[in-house]
Amino acid sequence: MMNALDIFDGSRDIVRLLILLHDKIQGMPMTTAHRLMKEKYSVARTATDSSLKAAIQLGLVEQYESGAYKVNILTPKGDVVAVKVNELEEALNGEVLVDPSLE
C-alpha cells in the first residue's frame, strides 16, 4: 500500500497544481487549470489530470460539478500543504541562510 508521500512524489506536477489553486477562493474550472498549467509550467493536460487525481486521493482537493464545468478547490488540508509548498519555493529561490554554528 502506498503512503501519502509516495502518492505525492509519484505525481510530479501536483506541487504546481496546488500553487495555482491556492489563491482561488471560489475554485478553478478544469479548463482554466489545463490552460494555466500549460502556459505557466508547460505541463500537458494528461499530467494535470493525473496530478489532480493524486491531489483528490490525498484529500488536498475537492472537485465539484458547476453547470457544464468541473471546479476544483483546495480542502483545508490542501491549503496547509499549498502554504508549505510556497514556503519551500521561497526557500529554494531565496538566499540560503546557514547557521554559522552548524559549520
N, C-alpha and C. Protein backbone atom coordinates (compact mmCIF):
# COMPACT_ATOMS: atom_id res chain seq x y z
N MET A 1 0.84 -1.18 0.00
CA MET A 1 0.00 0.00 0.00
C MET A 1 0.89 1.25 0.00
N MET A 2 0.58 2.19 -0.87
CA MET A 2 1.38 3.41 -0.97
C MET A 2 1.02 4.38 0.16
N ASN A 3 2.05 5.03 0.70
CA ASN A 3 1.76 6.05 1.69
C ASN A 3 1.59 7.39 1.01
N ALA A 4 1.22 8.41 1.76
CA ALA A 4 0.90 9.72 1.19
C ALA A 4 2.08 10.33 0.44
N LEU A 5 3.30 10.20 0.96
CA LEU A 5 4.45 10.77 0.26
C LEU A 5 4.73 10.06 -1.06
N ASP A 6 4.49 8.75 -1.10
CA ASP A 6 4.65 8.01 -2.36
C ASP A 6 3.69 8.55 -3.42
N ILE A 7 2.45 8.78 -3.02
CA ILE A 7 1.46 9.32 -3.96
C ILE A 7 1.85 10.73 -4.38
N PHE A 8 2.26 11.54 -3.40
CA PHE A 8 2.66 12.92 -3.68
C PHE A 8 3.87 12.95 -4.61
N ASP A 9 4.87 12.15 -4.33
CA ASP A 9 6.08 12.09 -5.17
C ASP A 9 5.79 11.52 -6.55
N GLY A 10 4.86 10.60 -6.63
CA GLY A 10 4.55 9.95 -7.91
C GLY A 10 3.88 10.88 -8.91
N SER A 11 3.34 11.96 -8.42
CA SER A 11 2.67 12.93 -9.29
C SER A 11 3.54 14.18 -9.34
N ARG A 12 4.40 14.25 -10.34
CA ARG A 12 5.44 15.28 -10.33
C ARG A 12 4.93 16.70 -10.48
N ASP A 13 3.69 16.89 -10.92
CA ASP A 13 3.18 18.25 -11.11
C ASP A 13 2.15 18.66 -10.08
N ILE A 14 1.97 17.85 -9.04
CA ILE A 14 0.99 18.17 -8.01
C ILE A 14 1.34 19.48 -7.30
N VAL A 15 2.61 19.74 -7.12
CA VAL A 15 3.06 20.96 -6.45
C VAL A 15 2.60 22.18 -7.23
N ARG A 16 2.79 22.15 -8.53
CA ARG A 16 2.38 23.28 -9.37
C ARG A 16 0.87 23.48 -9.34
N LEU A 17 0.12 22.39 -9.35
CA LEU A 17 -1.33 22.48 -9.29
C LEU A 17 -1.78 23.11 -7.97
N LEU A 18 -1.17 22.70 -6.86
CA LEU A 18 -1.52 23.27 -5.56
C LEU A 18 -1.23 24.77 -5.52
N ILE A 19 -0.11 25.18 -6.10
CA ILE A 19 0.22 26.61 -6.15
C ILE A 19 -0.85 27.37 -6.92
N LEU A 20 -1.28 26.84 -8.06
CA LEU A 20 -2.32 27.51 -8.85
C LEU A 20 -3.64 27.62 -8.10
N LEU A 21 -4.01 26.57 -7.40
CA LEU A 21 -5.29 26.55 -6.71
C LEU A 21 -5.28 27.36 -5.42
N HIS A 22 -4.12 27.64 -4.89
CA HIS A 22 -4.03 28.25 -3.56
C HIS A 22 -4.77 29.58 -3.44
N ASP A 23 -4.68 30.43 -4.42
CA ASP A 23 -5.31 31.75 -4.32
C ASP A 23 -6.71 31.81 -4.90
N LYS A 24 -7.24 30.71 -5.30
CA LYS A 24 -8.56 30.68 -5.93
C LYS A 24 -9.62 30.28 -4.91
N ILE A 25 -10.15 31.27 -4.21
CA ILE A 25 -11.14 31.03 -3.15
C ILE A 25 -12.38 30.32 -3.70
N GLN A 26 -12.83 30.71 -4.88
CA GLN A 26 -14.03 30.14 -5.47
C GLN A 26 -13.76 28.87 -6.26
N GLY A 27 -12.52 28.43 -6.31
CA GLY A 27 -12.18 27.24 -7.06
C GLY A 27 -11.75 27.59 -8.48
N MET A 28 -11.32 26.57 -9.20
CA MET A 28 -10.83 26.75 -10.55
C MET A 28 -11.43 25.69 -11.47
N PRO A 29 -12.08 26.13 -12.55
CA PRO A 29 -12.60 25.16 -13.52
C PRO A 29 -11.45 24.37 -14.15
N MET A 30 -11.73 23.14 -14.53
CA MET A 30 -10.70 22.29 -15.16
C MET A 30 -10.12 22.94 -16.41
N THR A 31 -10.97 23.60 -17.20
CA THR A 31 -10.47 24.23 -18.42
C THR A 31 -9.41 25.28 -18.09
N THR A 32 -9.63 26.01 -17.02
CA THR A 32 -8.65 27.03 -16.59
C THR A 32 -7.39 26.36 -16.05
N ALA A 33 -7.57 25.29 -15.27
CA ALA A 33 -6.41 24.57 -14.73
C ALA A 33 -5.54 24.03 -15.87
N HIS A 34 -6.17 23.43 -16.86
CA HIS A 34 -5.40 22.90 -18.01
C HIS A 34 -4.65 24.02 -18.72
N ARG A 35 -5.32 25.14 -18.95
CA ARG A 35 -4.70 26.26 -19.67
C ARG A 35 -3.53 26.86 -18.88
N LEU A 36 -3.75 27.12 -17.58
CA LEU A 36 -2.69 27.73 -16.77
C LEU A 36 -1.50 26.80 -16.55
N MET A 37 -1.77 25.53 -16.36
CA MET A 37 -0.66 24.58 -16.19
C MET A 37 0.19 24.53 -17.46
N LYS A 38 -0.46 24.61 -18.62
CA LYS A 38 0.26 24.61 -19.90
C LYS A 38 1.04 25.92 -20.08
N GLU A 39 0.38 27.05 -19.83
CA GLU A 39 1.01 28.36 -20.03
C GLU A 39 2.15 28.62 -19.05
N LYS A 40 1.92 28.36 -17.78
CA LYS A 40 2.91 28.71 -16.75
C LYS A 40 4.02 27.68 -16.60
N TYR A 41 3.69 26.40 -16.77
CA TYR A 41 4.65 25.35 -16.44
C TYR A 41 4.92 24.37 -17.58
N SER A 42 4.30 24.56 -18.73
CA SER A 42 4.44 23.64 -19.87
C SER A 42 4.05 22.20 -19.49
N VAL A 43 3.00 22.09 -18.72
CA VAL A 43 2.51 20.78 -18.27
C VAL A 43 1.31 20.40 -19.13
N ALA A 44 1.36 19.21 -19.68
CA ALA A 44 0.30 18.72 -20.56
C ALA A 44 -0.97 18.39 -19.78
N ARG A 45 -2.05 18.31 -20.50
CA ARG A 45 -3.36 18.03 -19.93
C ARG A 45 -3.37 16.71 -19.15
N THR A 46 -2.75 15.67 -19.70
CA THR A 46 -2.75 14.36 -19.03
C THR A 46 -2.00 14.42 -17.70
N ALA A 47 -0.90 15.16 -17.65
CA ALA A 47 -0.15 15.30 -16.40
C ALA A 47 -0.95 16.10 -15.38
N THR A 48 -1.65 17.12 -15.85
CA THR A 48 -2.51 17.89 -14.95
C THR A 48 -3.61 17.01 -14.38
N ASP A 49 -4.21 16.20 -15.22
CA ASP A 49 -5.27 15.29 -14.76
C ASP A 49 -4.76 14.28 -13.75
N SER A 50 -3.57 13.72 -13.98
CA SER A 50 -3.04 12.74 -13.03
C SER A 50 -2.65 13.42 -11.71
N SER A 51 -2.17 14.65 -11.78
CA SER A 51 -1.84 15.40 -10.56
C SER A 51 -3.11 15.69 -9.77
N LEU A 52 -4.17 16.06 -10.47
CA LEU A 52 -5.44 16.32 -9.81
C LEU A 52 -5.97 15.06 -9.15
N LYS A 53 -5.87 13.94 -9.84
CA LYS A 53 -6.32 12.66 -9.28
C LYS A 53 -5.58 12.34 -7.98
N ALA A 54 -4.27 12.54 -7.98
CA ALA A 54 -3.47 12.31 -6.77
C ALA A 54 -3.86 13.27 -5.66
N ALA A 55 -4.09 14.54 -6.01
CA ALA A 55 -4.48 15.55 -5.00
C ALA A 55 -5.83 15.20 -4.39
N ILE A 56 -6.75 14.71 -5.19
CA ILE A 56 -8.06 14.30 -4.68
C ILE A 56 -7.90 13.07 -3.78
N GLN A 57 -7.08 12.12 -4.21
CA GLN A 57 -6.84 10.90 -3.43
C GLN A 57 -6.25 11.23 -2.06
N LEU A 58 -5.38 12.24 -2.02
CA LEU A 58 -4.73 12.64 -0.76
C LEU A 58 -5.62 13.56 0.09
N GLY A 59 -6.77 13.93 -0.43
CA GLY A 59 -7.67 14.82 0.31
C GLY A 59 -7.24 16.27 0.28
N LEU A 60 -6.44 16.65 -0.72
CA LEU A 60 -5.96 18.02 -0.83
C LEU A 60 -6.88 18.89 -1.67
N VAL A 61 -7.65 18.26 -2.56
CA VAL A 61 -8.53 18.97 -3.48
C VAL A 61 -9.87 18.26 -3.52
N GLU A 62 -10.93 19.06 -3.62
CA GLU A 62 -12.27 18.53 -3.86
C GLU A 62 -12.72 19.04 -5.22
N GLN A 63 -13.49 18.21 -5.92
CA GLN A 63 -13.97 18.59 -7.24
C GLN A 63 -15.50 18.62 -7.22
N TYR A 64 -16.05 19.71 -7.75
CA TYR A 64 -17.50 19.90 -7.79
C TYR A 64 -17.95 20.10 -9.23
N GLU A 65 -19.18 19.70 -9.49
CA GLU A 65 -19.81 19.98 -10.78
C GLU A 65 -20.51 21.33 -10.65
N SER A 66 -20.23 22.22 -11.57
CA SER A 66 -20.88 23.53 -11.59
C SER A 66 -21.35 23.77 -13.02
N GLY A 67 -22.59 23.42 -13.26
CA GLY A 67 -23.11 23.52 -14.62
C GLY A 67 -22.37 22.55 -15.52
N ALA A 68 -21.78 23.07 -16.58
CA ALA A 68 -21.04 22.24 -17.53
C ALA A 68 -19.58 22.06 -17.13
N TYR A 69 -19.17 22.64 -16.01
CA TYR A 69 -17.76 22.63 -15.61
C TYR A 69 -17.52 21.79 -14.36
N LYS A 70 -16.32 21.25 -14.28
CA LYS A 70 -15.82 20.65 -13.04
C LYS A 70 -14.93 21.70 -12.40
N VAL A 71 -15.21 22.03 -11.15
CA VAL A 71 -14.47 23.06 -10.43
C VAL A 71 -13.68 22.41 -9.32
N ASN A 72 -12.41 22.80 -9.20
CA ASN A 72 -11.52 22.24 -8.18
C ASN A 72 -11.23 23.30 -7.13
N ILE A 73 -11.26 22.87 -5.87
CA ILE A 73 -10.97 23.78 -4.77
C ILE A 73 -10.13 23.05 -3.74
N LEU A 74 -9.20 23.77 -3.13
CA LEU A 74 -8.38 23.18 -2.08
C LEU A 74 -9.22 22.90 -0.84
N THR A 75 -8.97 21.79 -0.22
CA THR A 75 -9.56 21.49 1.09
C THR A 75 -8.73 22.23 2.13
N PRO A 76 -9.18 22.29 3.37
CA PRO A 76 -8.34 22.91 4.41
C PRO A 76 -6.96 22.25 4.49
N LYS A 77 -6.92 20.93 4.36
CA LYS A 77 -5.65 20.20 4.35
C LYS A 77 -4.81 20.62 3.15
N GLY A 78 -5.44 20.75 1.99
CA GLY A 78 -4.74 21.17 0.78
C GLY A 78 -4.20 22.58 0.91
N ASP A 79 -4.94 23.44 1.59
CA ASP A 79 -4.48 24.81 1.80
C ASP A 79 -3.21 24.83 2.65
N VAL A 80 -3.18 24.01 3.69
CA VAL A 80 -1.99 23.93 4.55
C VAL A 80 -0.79 23.44 3.75
N VAL A 81 -0.99 22.41 2.93
CA VAL A 81 0.10 21.87 2.11
C VAL A 81 0.56 22.92 1.09
N ALA A 82 -0.38 23.63 0.47
CA ALA A 82 -0.03 24.66 -0.52
C ALA A 82 0.80 25.77 0.11
N VAL A 83 0.47 26.17 1.33
CA VAL A 83 1.26 27.18 2.04
C VAL A 83 2.68 26.67 2.26
N LYS A 84 2.82 25.43 2.66
CA LYS A 84 4.15 24.84 2.87
C LYS A 84 4.92 24.76 1.56
N VAL A 85 4.24 24.42 0.48
CA VAL A 85 4.88 24.36 -0.84
C VAL A 85 5.39 25.75 -1.23
N ASN A 86 4.58 26.78 -0.99
CA ASN A 86 5.00 28.15 -1.28
C ASN A 86 6.22 28.53 -0.44
N GLU A 87 6.24 28.13 0.82
CA GLU A 87 7.39 28.40 1.68
C GLU A 87 8.63 27.69 1.15
N LEU A 88 8.47 26.47 0.70
CA LEU A 88 9.58 25.71 0.14
C LEU A 88 10.11 26.39 -1.12
N GLU A 89 9.20 26.84 -1.98
CA GLU A 89 9.62 27.53 -3.19
C GLU A 89 10.39 28.80 -2.86
N GLU A 90 9.92 29.56 -1.88
CA GLU A 90 10.62 30.78 -1.46
C GLU A 90 12.01 30.45 -0.92
N ALA A 91 12.10 29.40 -0.13
CA ALA A 91 13.40 29.00 0.43
C ALA A 91 14.36 28.57 -0.68
N LEU A 92 13.85 27.85 -1.67
CA LEU A 92 14.70 27.39 -2.77
C LEU A 92 15.14 28.54 -3.66
N ASN A 93 14.28 29.54 -3.84
CA ASN A 93 14.61 30.67 -4.71
C ASN A 93 15.36 31.78 -3.99
N GLY A 94 15.27 31.81 -2.67
CA GLY A 94 15.87 32.89 -1.90
C GLY A 94 17.29 32.56 -1.47
N GLU A 95 17.84 33.50 -0.76
CA GLU A 95 19.20 33.31 -0.23
C GLU A 95 19.13 32.31 0.92
N VAL A 96 19.99 31.34 0.88
CA VAL A 96 20.01 30.33 1.91
C VAL A 96 20.82 30.86 3.09
N LEU A 97 20.18 30.89 4.24
CA LEU A 97 20.86 31.35 5.44
C LEU A 97 21.37 30.13 6.20
N VAL A 98 22.65 30.10 6.41
CA VAL A 98 23.26 28.98 7.10
C VAL A 98 23.64 29.43 8.51
N ASP A 99 23.24 28.67 9.48
CA ASP A 99 23.61 28.96 10.86
C ASP A 99 25.10 28.68 11.03
N PRO A 100 25.90 29.72 11.36
CA PRO A 100 27.36 29.55 11.48
C PRO A 100 27.75 28.47 12.49
N SER A 101 26.91 28.22 13.49
CA SER A 101 27.24 27.22 14.48
C SER A 101 27.16 25.81 13.91
N LEU A 102 26.50 25.66 12.75
CA LEU A 102 26.38 24.34 12.14
C LEU A 102 27.55 24.01 11.23
N GLU A 103 28.38 25.00 10.93
CA GLU A 103 29.51 24.76 10.01
C GLU A 103 30.67 24.16 10.74
